C-alpha cells in the first residue's frame, strides 16, 4: 500500500510537469537546515523557557530518530521497488535509511514544540506551525523519498518527545535540583547510543556485486544526531551553572543582538560540516559539528547576550537605585 501511494503521487507529479516539486523540495530542505533558527531566536530573545523546551525536544527527538533508523535499517523506497523514481534532486539529499523520516522528526519537535508553547497565547502561530509540519511530512511522500509509514511514525515519535518534555518541564520547575540528574541521564543515553550504532551489525546486501547501502555512510548522520543528546546536557549545565542569562525581549537591542547571533549560526550550518568531516572523518566530523553548534546555541551566545543586554533583574535594580 505504501509503495502504491508513492506511485500514485509520482503519476500526479508527472501529470502536472513537476510544478509543485520546487516548493516541496524547498519546504523539505528548510526543515533540516534553517528551521532550527526559530526556536534558537525564541530561546535567546523572546522567552528562554519556551525556546529551551522546543530545543531540548528537538535534540532528544533527532537522537531517538537516529537510534530507531539505524536499528530498523529499512531501505529507501526506490531500493525496495525500482518503479519509484524520486523527484528532482531529492534522491541526492535523502541520506540514510528510510524509517522513520528524519525530516519529519526534525520538523515535528520544532514546529510541534512552538505550537505547544504558543497554543494558549497566540494560537495563530500554533496553527501555522501545525500546517507547516503536515506539509513537510507530506513533502517527503510527494518527493518519493519516504513512504507514508515513515512519515506517520516520524510524527508519532515527535509527538511522543513533545509529550515527554511537557511532563518533564513542569516537574523540573517544582524540583530544579533534579535537573542535573536528567541531564546526566540524557548524556549517558547519548554515549550508549553512539556505542550501539558503532558496534551493532548492519545488513550487507549486494546487487550485482555492489553493496546496496554502506552502513558506514549511514552512521554519519547518526553520530551527528545522537551527538545532540551528548552536547545539550553539557551546554545546558554550563549555561545553568555559570551563565544563567535571561531573554531580553522583543526590543530594538534584543532583536538586533539576536539577528547578529544568527549570522554565525547560519555560517556554521552552511559551511562548517565539510571541513570538519575532512579533518576528523565523517563520523566524528558530524559529531564535532553538532557539539560546536549546540554549545553555541545553548551556552556561548547566551553568554554574549548577558554581557551585552544584562539581566532584567539587574536592569530593574539599577533603575530603582537611580530613582532613589
Protein backbone atom coordinates (compact mmCIF):
# COMPACT_ATOMS: atom_id res chain seq x y z
CA UNK A 1 0.00 0.00 0.00
CA UNK A 2 2.80 2.44 0.91
CA UNK A 3 4.54 1.94 -2.44
CA UNK A 4 1.26 2.27 -4.32
CA UNK A 5 0.64 5.66 -2.71
CA UNK A 6 4.09 6.82 -3.80
CA UNK A 7 3.43 5.61 -7.34
CA UNK A 8 0.14 7.48 -7.40
CA UNK A 9 1.87 10.67 -6.21
CA UNK A 10 4.59 10.10 -8.79
CA UNK A 11 1.99 9.88 -11.56
CA UNK A 12 0.37 13.07 -10.27
CA UNK A 13 3.76 14.87 -10.26
CA UNK A 14 4.36 13.87 -13.85
CA UNK A 15 0.84 14.91 -14.91
CA UNK A 16 1.49 18.48 -13.74
CA UNK A 17 5.07 18.54 -15.08
CA UNK A 18 6.56 18.71 -11.57
CA UNK A 19 5.05 22.15 -10.99
CA UNK A 20 4.95 21.62 -7.21
CA UNK A 21 8.32 19.89 -6.92
CA UNK A 22 10.45 23.03 -6.26
CA UNK A 23 8.07 24.09 -3.46
CA UNK A 24 8.12 20.64 -1.87
CA UNK A 25 11.92 20.47 -2.14
CA UNK A 26 12.22 23.93 -0.59
CA UNK A 27 9.99 23.30 2.40
CA UNK A 28 11.65 19.93 2.95
CA UNK A 29 15.18 21.35 2.78
CA UNK A 30 14.27 24.28 5.05
CA UNK A 31 13.14 21.88 7.78
CA UNK A 32 16.59 20.29 8.13
CA UNK A 33 18.73 23.39 7.63
CA UNK A 34 17.44 26.72 8.89
CA UNK A 35 14.24 25.87 10.79
CA UNK A 36 16.31 25.40 13.96
CA UNK A 37 16.98 29.15 13.94
CA UNK A 38 13.39 29.90 15.00
CA UNK A 39 13.44 28.17 18.41
CA UNK A 40 17.00 29.45 18.83
CA UNK A 41 15.81 33.05 18.42
CA UNK A 42 12.90 32.39 20.80
CA UNK A 43 15.34 30.97 23.37
CA UNK A 44 17.80 33.82 23.03
CA UNK A 45 15.50 36.80 22.73
CA UNK A 46 11.78 36.19 23.31
CA UNK A 47 11.24 33.57 26.01
CA UNK A 48 14.05 31.41 27.37
CA UNK A 49 11.75 28.70 28.74
CA UNK A 50 9.67 28.33 25.58
CA UNK A 51 12.76 28.23 23.40
CA UNK A 52 14.54 25.77 25.66
CA UNK A 53 11.50 23.47 25.66
CA UNK A 54 11.46 23.32 21.86
CA UNK A 55 15.24 22.95 21.54
CA UNK A 56 15.59 20.09 24.03
CA UNK A 57 12.59 18.36 22.45
CA UNK A 58 14.33 18.63 19.09
CA UNK A 59 17.70 17.40 20.40
CA UNK A 60 16.06 14.42 22.09
CA UNK A 61 13.86 13.56 19.10
CA UNK A 62 16.62 13.58 16.48
CA UNK A 63 18.74 11.37 18.72
CA UNK A 64 15.89 8.87 19.10
CA UNK A 65 15.27 9.03 15.36
CA UNK A 66 18.86 8.01 14.65
CA UNK A 67 18.64 5.09 17.07
CA UNK A 68 15.39 3.81 15.55
CA UNK A 69 16.59 4.38 11.98
CA UNK A 70 19.87 2.52 12.48
CA UNK A 71 18.11 -0.27 14.33
CA UNK A 72 15.42 -0.94 11.72
CA UNK A 73 17.70 -0.34 8.68
CA UNK A 74 14.78 0.00 6.26
CA UNK A 75 15.87 0.68 2.70
CA UNK A 76 14.62 3.66 0.72
CA UNK A 77 11.51 3.22 -1.46
CA UNK A 78 13.41 3.16 -4.78
CA UNK A 79 15.62 0.35 -3.47
CA UNK A 80 12.58 -1.64 -2.40
CA UNK A 81 10.75 -1.00 -5.68
CA UNK A 82 12.55 0.32 -8.78
CA UNK A 83 9.30 1.78 -10.10
CA UNK A 84 9.65 4.58 -7.54
CA UNK A 85 11.59 7.48 -9.03
CA UNK A 86 12.24 10.37 -6.59
CA UNK A 87 11.53 13.87 -7.83
CA UNK A 88 14.15 16.47 -8.68
CA UNK A 89 17.29 16.41 -6.55
CA UNK A 90 15.54 14.72 -3.64
CA UNK A 91 17.45 11.47 -4.13
CA UNK A 92 20.81 13.22 -3.57
CA UNK A 93 19.71 14.76 -0.26
CA UNK A 94 17.89 11.67 1.05
CA UNK A 95 20.73 10.11 3.00
CA UNK A 96 20.48 7.29 5.49
CA UNK A 97 17.88 4.60 5.89
CA UNK A 98 14.22 5.33 5.32
CA UNK A 99 12.34 4.55 8.54
CA UNK A 100 11.35 6.79 10.23
CA UNK A 101 11.51 10.05 8.29
CA UNK A 102 14.34 12.22 9.62
CA UNK A 103 12.90 15.38 8.05
CA UNK A 104 9.60 14.73 9.82
CA UNK A 105 11.38 14.12 13.11
CA UNK A 106 13.27 17.38 12.67
CA UNK A 107 10.22 19.43 11.77
CA UNK A 108 7.98 17.62 14.28
CA UNK A 109 9.60 18.69 17.55
CA UNK A 110 10.35 22.21 16.27
CA UNK A 111 7.01 23.09 14.69
CA UNK A 112 5.22 20.98 17.29
CA UNK A 113 7.18 22.43 20.20
CA UNK A 114 6.47 26.01 19.10
CA UNK A 115 2.79 25.14 18.52
CA UNK A 116 2.53 23.64 22.01
CA UNK A 117 4.11 26.56 23.83
CA UNK A 118 2.12 29.25 22.00
CA UNK A 119 -1.26 27.47 21.83
CA UNK A 120 -2.88 29.45 24.65
CA UNK A 121 -1.24 32.81 23.94
CA UNK A 122 -1.02 33.12 20.14
CA UNK A 123 -2.98 30.31 18.59
CA UNK A 124 -2.47 31.60 15.06
CA UNK A 125 1.26 30.84 15.41
CA UNK A 126 0.42 27.31 16.55
CA UNK A 127 -1.95 26.74 13.64
CA UNK A 128 0.65 27.92 11.11
CA UNK A 129 3.25 25.61 12.67
CA UNK A 130 0.90 22.61 12.53
CA UNK A 131 0.12 23.28 8.86
CA UNK A 132 3.82 23.60 8.02
CA UNK A 133 4.57 20.38 9.89
CA UNK A 134 1.93 18.46 7.94
CA UNK A 135 3.15 19.91 4.63
CA UNK A 136 6.75 19.00 5.49
CA UNK A 137 5.77 15.42 6.25
CA UNK A 138 3.70 15.18 3.08
CA UNK A 139 6.56 16.63 1.02
CA UNK A 140 8.66 13.56 1.81
CA UNK A 141 5.94 11.34 0.31
CA UNK A 142 5.37 13.69 -2.61
CA UNK A 143 9.08 13.67 -3.49
CA UNK A 144 9.13 9.88 -3.35
CA UNK A 145 11.88 9.56 -0.71
CA UNK A 146 9.75 8.25 2.18
CA UNK A 147 6.68 6.06 2.48
CA UNK A 148 3.59 7.25 4.40
CA UNK A 149 4.58 4.78 7.13
CA UNK A 150 7.96 6.51 7.50
CA UNK A 151 6.28 9.88 7.91
CA UNK A 152 3.50 8.68 10.20
CA UNK A 153 5.90 7.00 12.61
CA UNK A 154 8.11 10.11 12.50
CA UNK A 155 5.11 12.21 13.51
CA UNK A 156 4.16 9.81 16.30
CA UNK A 157 7.69 9.74 17.72
CA UNK A 158 7.82 13.54 17.55
CA UNK A 159 4.53 13.76 19.45
CA UNK A 160 5.96 11.33 21.99
CA UNK A 161 9.00 13.56 22.51
CA UNK A 162 6.78 16.63 22.86
CA UNK A 163 4.57 14.83 25.38
CA UNK A 164 7.56 13.62 27.40
CA UNK A 165 9.07 17.09 27.64
CA UNK A 166 5.67 18.55 28.57
CA UNK A 167 5.81 16.31 31.64
CA UNK A 168 9.49 16.83 32.46
CA UNK A 169 9.49 20.65 32.28
CA UNK A 170 6.74 21.22 34.93
CA UNK A 171 8.41 18.61 37.15
CA UNK A 172 11.77 20.38 36.93
CA UNK A 173 10.15 23.73 37.73
CA UNK A 174 8.98 22.21 41.01
CA UNK A 175 12.19 20.20 41.56
CA UNK A 176 15.06 22.19 39.98
CA UNK A 177 17.56 20.16 41.99
CA UNK A 178 16.67 17.15 39.82
CA UNK A 179 17.72 18.75 36.54
CA UNK A 180 21.34 17.59 36.77
CA UNK A 181 20.12 14.01 37.11
CA UNK A 182 18.02 14.41 33.95
CA UNK A 183 20.98 15.93 32.09
CA UNK A 184 23.26 13.10 33.21
CA UNK A 185 20.71 10.51 32.06
CA UNK A 186 20.49 12.13 28.62
CA UNK A 187 24.29 12.34 28.43
CA UNK A 188 24.71 8.64 29.27
CA UNK A 189 21.94 7.66 26.83
CA UNK A 190 23.75 9.60 24.11
CA UNK A 191 27.08 7.83 24.62
CA UNK A 192 25.31 4.48 24.90
CA UNK A 193 23.64 5.28 21.58
CA UNK A 194 26.98 6.10 19.94
CA UNK A 195 28.43 2.79 21.15
CA UNK A 196 25.33 0.92 19.98
CA UNK A 197 25.31 2.23 16.40
CA UNK A 198 29.08 1.74 16.16
CA UNK A 199 29.19 -1.92 17.10
CA UNK A 200 25.77 -3.29 16.09
CA UNK A 201 25.53 -5.45 12.93
CA UNK A 202 24.08 -3.98 9.73
CA UNK A 203 22.57 -5.60 6.62
CA UNK A 204 25.15 -6.12 3.89
CA UNK A 205 23.02 -6.77 0.81
CA UNK A 206 24.65 -6.79 -2.61
CA UNK A 207 23.19 -6.46 -6.11
CA UNK A 208 25.48 -7.37 -8.99
CA UNK A 209 28.44 -7.20 -6.62
CA UNK A 210 27.58 -3.70 -5.41
CA UNK A 211 26.66 -3.02 -1.77
CA UNK A 212 23.15 -1.56 -1.68
CA UNK A 213 23.72 0.62 1.37
CA UNK A 214 27.05 1.30 3.07
CA UNK A 215 26.43 1.26 6.85
CA UNK A 216 29.47 3.47 7.46
CA UNK A 217 27.88 6.25 5.43
CA UNK A 218 24.55 5.71 7.15
CA UNK A 219 26.21 6.14 10.53
CA UNK A 220 27.44 9.67 9.72
CA UNK A 221 24.12 11.34 10.45
CA UNK A 222 23.69 9.02 13.43
CA UNK A 223 26.84 10.36 15.06
CA UNK A 224 25.68 13.92 14.47
CA UNK A 225 22.09 13.41 15.61
CA UNK A 226 22.87 11.30 18.69
CA UNK A 227 25.58 13.84 19.45
CA UNK A 228 22.77 16.28 20.26
CA UNK A 229 21.94 14.14 23.28
CA UNK A 230 25.54 14.50 24.47
CA UNK A 231 26.12 18.15 23.58
CA UNK A 232 22.92 19.53 25.09
CA UNK A 233 23.46 18.29 28.68
CA UNK A 234 26.98 19.76 28.69
CA UNK A 235 25.87 23.10 27.25
CA UNK A 236 22.80 23.34 29.48
CA UNK A 237 24.84 22.59 32.61
CA UNK A 238 27.35 25.30 31.69
CA UNK A 239 24.60 27.83 30.98
CA UNK A 240 22.64 27.00 34.13
CA UNK A 241 25.68 26.85 36.42
CA UNK A 242 27.75 29.80 35.25
CA UNK A 243 25.78 31.97 32.80
CA UNK A 244 22.07 31.95 33.69
CA UNK A 245 21.12 34.56 31.10
CA UNK A 246 17.64 35.99 30.58
CA UNK A 247 15.96 36.66 27.26
CA UNK A 248 15.99 40.45 26.76
CA UNK A 249 12.64 40.54 24.95
CA UNK A 250 11.45 41.95 21.63
CA UNK A 251 13.03 45.36 21.93
CA UNK A 252 15.37 47.03 19.45
CA UNK A 253 18.52 45.96 21.26
CA UNK A 254 17.35 42.40 21.80
CA UNK A 255 16.20 41.88 18.21
CA UNK A 256 19.45 43.33 16.84
CA UNK A 257 21.60 41.12 19.06
CA UNK A 258 19.52 38.06 18.14
CA UNK A 259 19.81 38.66 14.39
CA UNK A 260 23.55 39.25 14.68
CA UNK A 261 23.87 35.99 16.64
CA UNK A 262 22.06 34.03 13.93
CA UNK A 263 24.60 35.04 11.28
CA UNK A 264 27.46 32.87 12.67
CA UNK A 265 24.96 30.08 13.20
CA UNK A 266 23.90 30.30 9.55
CA UNK A 267 27.56 30.18 8.51
CA UNK A 268 28.20 27.13 10.69
CA UNK A 269 25.20 25.31 9.24
CA UNK A 270 26.21 26.10 5.68
CA UNK A 271 29.99 25.82 5.71
CA UNK A 272 31.39 24.09 8.80
CA UNK A 273 30.42 20.43 8.40
CA UNK A 274 32.50 19.62 5.31
CA UNK A 275 35.86 20.88 6.69
CA UNK A 276 35.27 19.02 9.96
CA UNK A 277 34.49 15.82 8.04
CA UNK A 278 37.73 16.21 6.08
CA UNK A 279 39.77 16.83 9.21
CA UNK A 280 38.20 14.27 11.57
CA UNK A 281 36.44 11.77 9.32
CA UNK A 282 32.72 11.79 8.63
CA UNK A 283 31.63 10.15 11.90
CA UNK A 284 33.50 12.40 14.30
CA UNK A 285 33.26 15.38 11.95
CA UNK A 286 29.46 15.21 12.18
CA UNK A 287 29.71 14.69 15.93
CA UNK A 288 32.05 17.66 16.43
CA UNK A 289 29.87 19.88 14.24
CA UNK A 290 26.91 19.08 16.49
CA UNK A 291 28.91 19.79 19.64
CA UNK A 292 30.01 23.20 18.36
CA UNK A 293 26.58 24.31 17.13
CA UNK A 294 24.70 23.15 20.25
CA UNK A 295 27.30 24.74 22.53
CA UNK A 296 26.98 27.99 20.59
CA UNK A 297 23.18 27.97 20.77
CA UNK A 298 22.71 26.92 24.37
CA UNK A 299 25.68 28.48 26.18
CA UNK A 300 28.13 30.60 24.17
CA UNK A 301 25.84 33.15 22.57
CA UNK A 302 23.66 33.39 25.70
CA UNK A 303 26.83 34.50 27.49
CA UNK A 304 27.26 37.22 24.88
CA UNK A 305 23.61 38.22 25.33
CA UNK A 306 24.12 38.53 29.07
CA UNK A 307 27.26 40.64 28.61
CA UNK A 308 25.53 42.97 26.14
CA UNK A 309 21.98 43.11 27.48
CA UNK A 310 22.43 42.18 31.14
CA UNK A 311 19.62 40.55 33.06
CA UNK A 312 16.19 42.01 33.62
CA UNK A 313 16.56 41.81 37.39
CA UNK A 314 19.81 43.76 37.22
CA UNK A 315 18.17 46.34 34.98
CA UNK A 316 15.25 46.76 37.38
CA UNK A 317 17.63 47.13 40.35
CA UNK A 318 19.66 49.79 38.57
CA UNK A 319 16.50 51.72 37.65
CA UNK A 320 15.22 51.58 41.23
CA UNK A 321 18.53 52.72 42.68
CA UNK A 322 18.66 55.61 40.20
CA UNK A 323 15.15 56.70 41.19
CA UNK A 324 16.12 56.68 44.87
